[in-house]
């Protein structure tokens, strides 16, 4: 498996941001805008919003028009477990859990199903501007 941080260096990489929002007090707000500003192709996923930062929001990972390279999860652990099952069902095996999305159960799920994952690390720190 490829180091998930190296996927950020590939020009064609796309990122689904689960928990993207327009609420400035949430990390889903900051993460989505940071990656978009850096030039990444990002897909906001949030069943409770029709748009984020003016972009159409997808209710579920399966609604995105292409398979994202990385699924970045910015939701509480109890929501993350459902997202991880969606990832498994869709064959989306590159998962990045932002700090606060992990739990012992979620980590066990990732390991049991051989996900390529990174947890408890911020994607904004690891990503660079796209050129």
N, C-alpha and C. Protein backbone atom coordinates (compact mmCIF):
# COMPACT_ATOMS: atom_id res chain seq x y z
N UNK A 1 0.83 -1.18 0.00
CA UNK A 1 0.00 0.00 0.00
C UNK A 1 0.88 1.25 0.00
N UNK A 2 0.38 2.25 -0.64
CA UNK A 2 1.11 3.51 -0.73
C UNK A 2 0.87 4.34 0.53
N UNK A 3 1.94 4.97 1.00
CA UNK A 3 1.83 5.89 2.14
C UNK A 3 0.75 6.92 1.79
N UNK A 4 -0.26 7.02 2.64
CA UNK A 4 -1.40 7.89 2.33
C UNK A 4 -0.98 9.35 2.16
N UNK A 5 0.06 9.78 2.88
CA UNK A 5 0.51 11.16 2.71
C UNK A 5 1.11 11.38 1.33
N UNK A 6 1.67 10.34 0.72
CA UNK A 6 2.25 10.45 -0.62
C UNK A 6 1.14 10.64 -1.68
N UNK A 7 -0.06 10.16 -1.38
CA UNK A 7 -1.17 10.35 -2.31
C UNK A 7 -1.48 11.83 -2.50
N UNK A 8 -1.17 12.64 -1.49
CA UNK A 8 -1.40 14.08 -1.60
C UNK A 8 -0.50 14.73 -2.64
N UNK A 9 0.61 14.08 -2.96
CA UNK A 9 1.55 14.62 -3.95
C UNK A 9 1.18 14.29 -5.39
N UNK A 10 0.24 13.38 -5.57
CA UNK A 10 -0.15 12.98 -6.91
C UNK A 10 -1.17 13.97 -7.47
N UNK A 11 -0.88 14.53 -8.67
CA UNK A 11 -1.72 15.61 -9.20
C UNK A 11 -3.18 15.23 -9.41
N UNK A 12 -3.47 13.97 -9.65
CA UNK A 12 -4.85 13.57 -9.93
C UNK A 12 -5.62 13.17 -8.66
N UNK A 13 -4.99 13.26 -7.50
CA UNK A 13 -5.66 12.87 -6.26
C UNK A 13 -6.86 13.78 -5.97
N UNK A 14 -7.93 13.15 -5.51
CA UNK A 14 -9.13 13.88 -5.09
C UNK A 14 -9.44 13.49 -3.65
N UNK A 15 -10.12 14.39 -2.95
CA UNK A 15 -10.36 14.16 -1.53
C UNK A 15 -11.83 14.43 -1.21
N UNK A 16 -12.48 13.44 -0.61
CA UNK A 16 -13.83 13.64 -0.07
C UNK A 16 -13.67 14.09 1.37
N UNK A 17 -14.32 15.19 1.72
CA UNK A 17 -14.27 15.71 3.09
C UNK A 17 -15.62 15.41 3.74
N UNK A 18 -15.65 14.36 4.56
CA UNK A 18 -16.88 13.98 5.25
C UNK A 18 -17.01 14.83 6.50
N UNK A 19 -18.03 15.65 6.53
CA UNK A 19 -18.22 16.59 7.62
C UNK A 19 -17.93 18.02 7.21
N UNK A 20 -17.73 18.24 5.91
CA UNK A 20 -17.52 19.60 5.41
C UNK A 20 -18.74 20.45 5.78
N UNK A 21 -18.50 21.70 6.13
CA UNK A 21 -19.59 22.55 6.59
C UNK A 21 -19.27 24.03 6.37
N UNK A 22 -20.28 24.86 6.50
CA UNK A 22 -20.11 26.31 6.47
C UNK A 22 -20.10 26.89 7.87
N UNK A 23 -20.08 26.05 8.88
CA UNK A 23 -20.05 26.51 10.26
C UNK A 23 -18.60 26.78 10.65
N UNK A 24 -18.21 28.06 10.81
CA UNK A 24 -16.81 28.39 11.07
C UNK A 24 -16.26 27.86 12.39
N UNK A 25 -17.10 27.38 13.29
CA UNK A 25 -16.61 26.83 14.55
C UNK A 25 -16.25 25.34 14.43
N UNK A 26 -16.41 24.75 13.25
CA UNK A 26 -16.15 23.32 13.04
C UNK A 26 -14.90 23.12 12.18
N UNK A 27 -14.18 22.02 12.46
CA UNK A 27 -12.99 21.71 11.66
C UNK A 27 -13.34 21.38 10.21
N UNK A 28 -14.55 20.87 9.97
CA UNK A 28 -14.97 20.60 8.60
C UNK A 28 -15.01 21.85 7.74
N UNK A 29 -15.18 22.98 8.36
CA UNK A 29 -15.15 24.28 7.69
C UNK A 29 -13.71 24.61 7.28
N UNK A 30 -12.81 24.52 8.24
CA UNK A 30 -11.41 24.89 8.02
C UNK A 30 -10.72 23.93 7.05
N UNK A 31 -10.90 22.63 7.26
CA UNK A 31 -10.24 21.62 6.43
C UNK A 31 -10.68 21.75 4.97
N UNK A 32 -11.98 21.86 4.74
CA UNK A 32 -12.49 21.95 3.37
C UNK A 32 -11.90 23.16 2.64
N UNK A 33 -11.95 24.30 3.26
CA UNK A 33 -11.45 25.53 2.62
C UNK A 33 -9.94 25.51 2.44
N UNK A 34 -9.22 24.95 3.39
CA UNK A 34 -7.76 24.87 3.29
C UNK A 34 -7.34 24.02 2.09
N UNK A 35 -7.92 22.83 1.95
CA UNK A 35 -7.54 21.95 0.85
C UNK A 35 -7.98 22.53 -0.50
N UNK A 36 -9.13 23.15 -0.52
CA UNK A 36 -9.62 23.79 -1.76
C UNK A 36 -8.68 24.93 -2.16
N UNK A 37 -8.29 25.75 -1.19
CA UNK A 37 -7.38 26.87 -1.45
C UNK A 37 -6.02 26.38 -1.95
N UNK A 38 -5.61 25.22 -1.49
CA UNK A 38 -4.32 24.65 -1.90
C UNK A 38 -4.38 24.04 -3.29
N UNK A 39 -5.57 23.97 -3.89
CA UNK A 39 -5.70 23.48 -5.25
C UNK A 39 -6.14 22.03 -5.39
N UNK A 40 -6.49 21.38 -4.30
CA UNK A 40 -6.97 20.01 -4.38
C UNK A 40 -8.39 19.96 -4.92
N UNK A 41 -8.73 18.89 -5.61
CA UNK A 41 -10.11 18.64 -5.99
C UNK A 41 -10.76 18.01 -4.77
N UNK A 42 -11.71 18.73 -4.18
CA UNK A 42 -12.35 18.28 -2.95
C UNK A 42 -13.86 18.14 -3.17
N UNK A 43 -14.42 17.16 -2.51
CA UNK A 43 -15.85 16.91 -2.56
C UNK A 43 -16.41 17.00 -1.15
N UNK A 44 -17.30 17.96 -0.89
CA UNK A 44 -17.91 18.05 0.44
C UNK A 44 -18.99 16.99 0.61
N UNK A 45 -18.94 16.28 1.72
CA UNK A 45 -19.95 15.26 2.02
C UNK A 45 -20.59 15.64 3.36
N UNK A 46 -21.89 15.90 3.31
CA UNK A 46 -22.64 16.26 4.51
C UNK A 46 -24.12 16.10 4.19
N UNK A 47 -24.80 15.16 4.84
CA UNK A 47 -26.22 14.94 4.54
C UNK A 47 -27.14 16.07 4.99
N UNK A 48 -26.62 17.01 5.76
CA UNK A 48 -27.45 18.07 6.31
C UNK A 48 -27.28 19.41 5.60
N UNK A 49 -26.53 19.43 4.50
CA UNK A 49 -26.28 20.70 3.78
C UNK A 49 -26.45 20.48 2.28
N UNK A 50 -26.90 21.50 1.58
CA UNK A 50 -27.00 21.40 0.12
C UNK A 50 -25.74 21.95 -0.55
N UNK A 51 -24.99 22.80 0.18
CA UNK A 51 -23.74 23.32 -0.37
C UNK A 51 -22.79 23.68 0.76
N UNK A 52 -21.51 23.71 0.41
CA UNK A 52 -20.46 24.16 1.32
C UNK A 52 -19.54 25.06 0.51
N UNK A 53 -19.32 26.27 0.99
CA UNK A 53 -18.46 27.24 0.32
C UNK A 53 -18.89 27.43 -1.14
N UNK A 54 -20.20 27.36 -1.38
CA UNK A 54 -20.74 27.54 -2.72
C UNK A 54 -20.69 26.30 -3.60
N UNK A 55 -20.15 25.19 -3.09
CA UNK A 55 -20.04 23.94 -3.86
C UNK A 55 -21.15 22.97 -3.47
N UNK A 56 -21.67 22.25 -4.46
CA UNK A 56 -22.71 21.25 -4.20
C UNK A 56 -22.18 20.21 -3.21
N UNK A 57 -23.00 19.90 -2.23
CA UNK A 57 -22.64 18.91 -1.22
C UNK A 57 -23.28 17.57 -1.56
N UNK A 58 -22.55 16.50 -1.28
CA UNK A 58 -23.04 15.15 -1.52
C UNK A 58 -23.51 14.55 -0.19
N UNK A 59 -24.65 13.90 -0.23
CA UNK A 59 -25.25 13.35 0.99
C UNK A 59 -24.47 12.14 1.50
N UNK A 60 -23.97 11.34 0.56
CA UNK A 60 -23.24 10.10 0.90
C UNK A 60 -22.02 9.98 0.00
N UNK A 61 -21.06 9.20 0.42
CA UNK A 61 -19.87 8.98 -0.40
C UNK A 61 -20.22 8.40 -1.76
N UNK A 62 -21.23 7.54 -1.81
CA UNK A 62 -21.63 6.92 -3.07
C UNK A 62 -22.25 7.88 -4.06
N UNK A 63 -22.58 9.09 -3.63
CA UNK A 63 -23.18 10.09 -4.52
C UNK A 63 -22.14 10.90 -5.29
N UNK A 64 -20.89 10.82 -4.89
CA UNK A 64 -19.82 11.57 -5.56
C UNK A 64 -19.63 11.01 -6.97
N UNK A 65 -19.46 11.87 -7.98
CA UNK A 65 -19.40 11.39 -9.37
C UNK A 65 -18.16 10.57 -9.73
N UNK A 66 -17.13 10.62 -8.91
CA UNK A 66 -15.94 9.78 -9.14
C UNK A 66 -15.47 9.27 -7.79
N UNK A 67 -14.73 8.17 -7.81
CA UNK A 67 -14.20 7.66 -6.55
C UNK A 67 -13.09 8.56 -6.05
N UNK A 68 -13.22 9.12 -4.87
CA UNK A 68 -12.14 9.96 -4.35
C UNK A 68 -10.92 9.10 -4.02
N UNK A 69 -9.75 9.71 -4.15
CA UNK A 69 -8.51 9.02 -3.81
C UNK A 69 -8.42 8.80 -2.31
N UNK A 70 -8.79 9.85 -1.55
CA UNK A 70 -8.74 9.81 -0.09
C UNK A 70 -10.09 10.24 0.47
N UNK A 71 -10.55 9.54 1.48
CA UNK A 71 -11.73 9.96 2.24
C UNK A 71 -11.21 10.53 3.55
N UNK A 72 -11.39 11.83 3.74
CA UNK A 72 -10.96 12.51 4.95
C UNK A 72 -12.19 12.67 5.84
N UNK A 73 -12.10 12.17 7.06
CA UNK A 73 -13.25 12.12 7.96
C UNK A 73 -13.08 13.13 9.09
N UNK A 74 -14.04 14.07 9.17
CA UNK A 74 -14.00 15.16 10.15
C UNK A 74 -15.33 15.16 10.91
N UNK A 75 -15.70 14.00 11.44
CA UNK A 75 -16.95 13.87 12.19
C UNK A 75 -16.66 13.10 13.48
N UNK A 76 -17.58 13.14 14.45
CA UNK A 76 -17.38 12.41 15.71
C UNK A 76 -17.25 10.90 15.49
N UNK A 77 -16.61 10.19 16.41
CA UNK A 77 -16.39 8.75 16.26
C UNK A 77 -17.66 7.94 16.01
N UNK A 78 -18.77 8.34 16.64
CA UNK A 78 -19.99 7.56 16.46
C UNK A 78 -20.54 7.69 15.04
N UNK A 79 -20.25 8.77 14.35
CA UNK A 79 -20.64 8.94 12.95
C UNK A 79 -19.60 8.28 12.05
N UNK A 80 -18.35 8.34 12.47
CA UNK A 80 -17.25 7.76 11.69
C UNK A 80 -17.48 6.28 11.40
N UNK A 81 -18.03 5.54 12.37
CA UNK A 81 -18.22 4.10 12.16
C UNK A 81 -19.11 3.84 10.94
N UNK A 82 -20.16 4.62 10.75
CA UNK A 82 -21.03 4.48 9.58
C UNK A 82 -20.27 4.85 8.30
N UNK A 83 -19.45 5.89 8.37
CA UNK A 83 -18.68 6.32 7.20
C UNK A 83 -17.69 5.23 6.81
N UNK A 84 -17.05 4.60 7.78
CA UNK A 84 -16.09 3.53 7.48
C UNK A 84 -16.78 2.35 6.80
N UNK A 85 -18.00 2.05 7.22
CA UNK A 85 -18.74 0.97 6.56
C UNK A 85 -19.06 1.36 5.12
N UNK A 86 -19.45 2.62 4.88
CA UNK A 86 -19.67 3.09 3.51
C UNK A 86 -18.40 2.94 2.68
N UNK A 87 -17.27 3.33 3.26
CA UNK A 87 -15.99 3.22 2.55
C UNK A 87 -15.73 1.77 2.15
N UNK A 88 -15.91 0.86 3.10
CA UNK A 88 -15.68 -0.56 2.82
C UNK A 88 -16.60 -1.04 1.70
N UNK A 89 -17.89 -0.70 1.80
CA UNK A 89 -18.87 -1.13 0.79
C UNK A 89 -18.54 -0.59 -0.60
N UNK A 90 -17.95 0.61 -0.67
CA UNK A 90 -17.64 1.25 -1.95
C UNK A 90 -16.21 0.98 -2.43
N UNK A 91 -15.43 0.27 -1.63
CA UNK A 91 -14.05 0.00 -1.99
C UNK A 91 -13.14 1.22 -1.87
N UNK A 92 -13.51 2.15 -1.01
CA UNK A 92 -12.69 3.35 -0.78
C UNK A 92 -11.78 3.04 0.41
N UNK A 93 -10.58 2.60 0.12
CA UNK A 93 -9.71 2.06 1.16
C UNK A 93 -8.65 3.03 1.69
N UNK A 94 -8.56 4.22 1.12
CA UNK A 94 -7.62 5.24 1.62
C UNK A 94 -8.40 6.21 2.51
N UNK A 95 -8.26 6.05 3.81
CA UNK A 95 -9.05 6.82 4.77
C UNK A 95 -8.12 7.58 5.71
N UNK A 96 -8.45 8.84 5.89
CA UNK A 96 -7.71 9.72 6.79
C UNK A 96 -8.66 10.19 7.87
N UNK A 97 -8.43 9.77 9.12
CA UNK A 97 -9.27 10.21 10.23
C UNK A 97 -8.61 11.42 10.89
N UNK A 98 -9.30 12.55 10.82
CA UNK A 98 -8.81 13.75 11.49
C UNK A 98 -8.85 13.51 13.01
N UNK A 99 -8.01 14.22 13.76
CA UNK A 99 -8.08 14.07 15.22
C UNK A 99 -9.50 14.29 15.72
N UNK A 100 -9.94 13.39 16.57
CA UNK A 100 -11.30 13.46 17.12
C UNK A 100 -12.28 12.53 16.42
N UNK A 101 -11.90 11.97 15.27
CA UNK A 101 -12.79 11.05 14.55
C UNK A 101 -12.52 9.59 14.92
N UNK A 102 -11.39 9.35 15.58
CA UNK A 102 -11.01 7.99 15.88
C UNK A 102 -11.63 7.52 17.21
N UNK A 103 -11.69 6.22 17.34
CA UNK A 103 -12.09 5.56 18.58
C UNK A 103 -11.45 4.17 18.51
N UNK A 104 -11.36 3.47 19.63
CA UNK A 104 -10.79 2.11 19.57
C UNK A 104 -11.55 1.21 18.58
N UNK A 105 -12.88 1.37 18.55
CA UNK A 105 -13.68 0.54 17.63
C UNK A 105 -13.39 0.89 16.17
N UNK A 106 -13.27 2.17 15.88
CA UNK A 106 -12.99 2.59 14.51
C UNK A 106 -11.60 2.15 14.07
N UNK A 107 -10.63 2.24 14.97
CA UNK A 107 -9.28 1.81 14.64
C UNK A 107 -9.25 0.30 14.39
N UNK A 108 -9.96 -0.45 15.19
CA UNK A 108 -10.04 -1.90 15.01
C UNK A 108 -10.69 -2.23 13.66
N UNK A 109 -11.76 -1.52 13.29
CA UNK A 109 -12.43 -1.73 12.01
C UNK A 109 -11.46 -1.50 10.85
N UNK A 110 -10.71 -0.40 10.91
CA UNK A 110 -9.73 -0.10 9.85
C UNK A 110 -8.70 -1.21 9.72
N UNK A 111 -8.21 -1.70 10.83
CA UNK A 111 -7.19 -2.74 10.82
C UNK A 111 -7.75 -4.08 10.35
N UNK A 112 -8.93 -4.44 10.83
CA UNK A 112 -9.55 -5.71 10.44
C UNK A 112 -9.81 -5.81 8.95
N UNK A 113 -10.10 -4.68 8.32
CA UNK A 113 -10.48 -4.69 6.91
C UNK A 113 -9.35 -4.19 5.99
N UNK A 114 -8.14 -4.12 6.53
CA UNK A 114 -6.95 -3.79 5.73
C UNK A 114 -7.05 -2.45 5.00
N UNK A 115 -7.60 -1.45 5.65
CA UNK A 115 -7.62 -0.11 5.07
C UNK A 115 -6.20 0.45 5.02
N UNK A 116 -5.94 1.30 4.06
CA UNK A 116 -4.76 2.14 4.04
C UNK A 116 -5.20 3.42 4.74
N UNK A 117 -4.70 3.65 5.94
CA UNK A 117 -5.27 4.76 6.72
C UNK A 117 -4.21 5.52 7.49
N UNK A 118 -4.62 6.71 7.90
CA UNK A 118 -3.86 7.53 8.82
C UNK A 118 -4.86 8.12 9.80
N UNK A 119 -4.52 8.11 11.08
CA UNK A 119 -5.43 8.62 12.10
C UNK A 119 -4.69 9.55 13.04
N UNK A 120 -5.45 10.45 13.62
CA UNK A 120 -4.94 11.39 14.60
C UNK A 120 -3.80 12.25 14.05
N UNK A 121 -3.92 12.62 12.80
CA UNK A 121 -2.97 13.53 12.14
C UNK A 121 -3.80 14.45 11.25
N UNK A 122 -3.44 15.71 11.21
CA UNK A 122 -4.22 16.68 10.46
C UNK A 122 -3.76 16.76 9.00
N UNK A 123 -4.69 16.58 8.08
CA UNK A 123 -4.38 16.63 6.65
C UNK A 123 -3.89 18.02 6.23
N UNK A 124 -4.30 19.06 6.96
CA UNK A 124 -3.86 20.41 6.59
C UNK A 124 -2.36 20.57 6.83
N UNK A 125 -1.83 19.90 7.82
CA UNK A 125 -0.40 19.97 8.13
C UNK A 125 0.40 19.20 7.08
N UNK A 126 -0.14 18.08 6.62
CA UNK A 126 0.58 17.21 5.69
C UNK A 126 0.48 17.66 4.23
N UNK A 127 -0.53 18.44 3.89
CA UNK A 127 -0.75 18.83 2.50
C UNK A 127 0.02 20.11 2.16
N UNK A 128 0.36 20.22 0.88
CA UNK A 128 1.05 21.41 0.39
C UNK A 128 0.23 22.01 -0.76
N UNK A 129 0.58 23.21 -1.16
CA UNK A 129 -0.08 23.81 -2.30
C UNK A 129 0.14 22.97 -3.54
N UNK A 130 -0.88 22.77 -4.33
CA UNK A 130 -0.75 22.06 -5.60
C UNK A 130 -0.16 23.02 -6.62
N UNK A 131 0.71 22.52 -7.47
CA UNK A 131 1.30 23.37 -8.52
C UNK A 131 0.92 22.88 -9.88
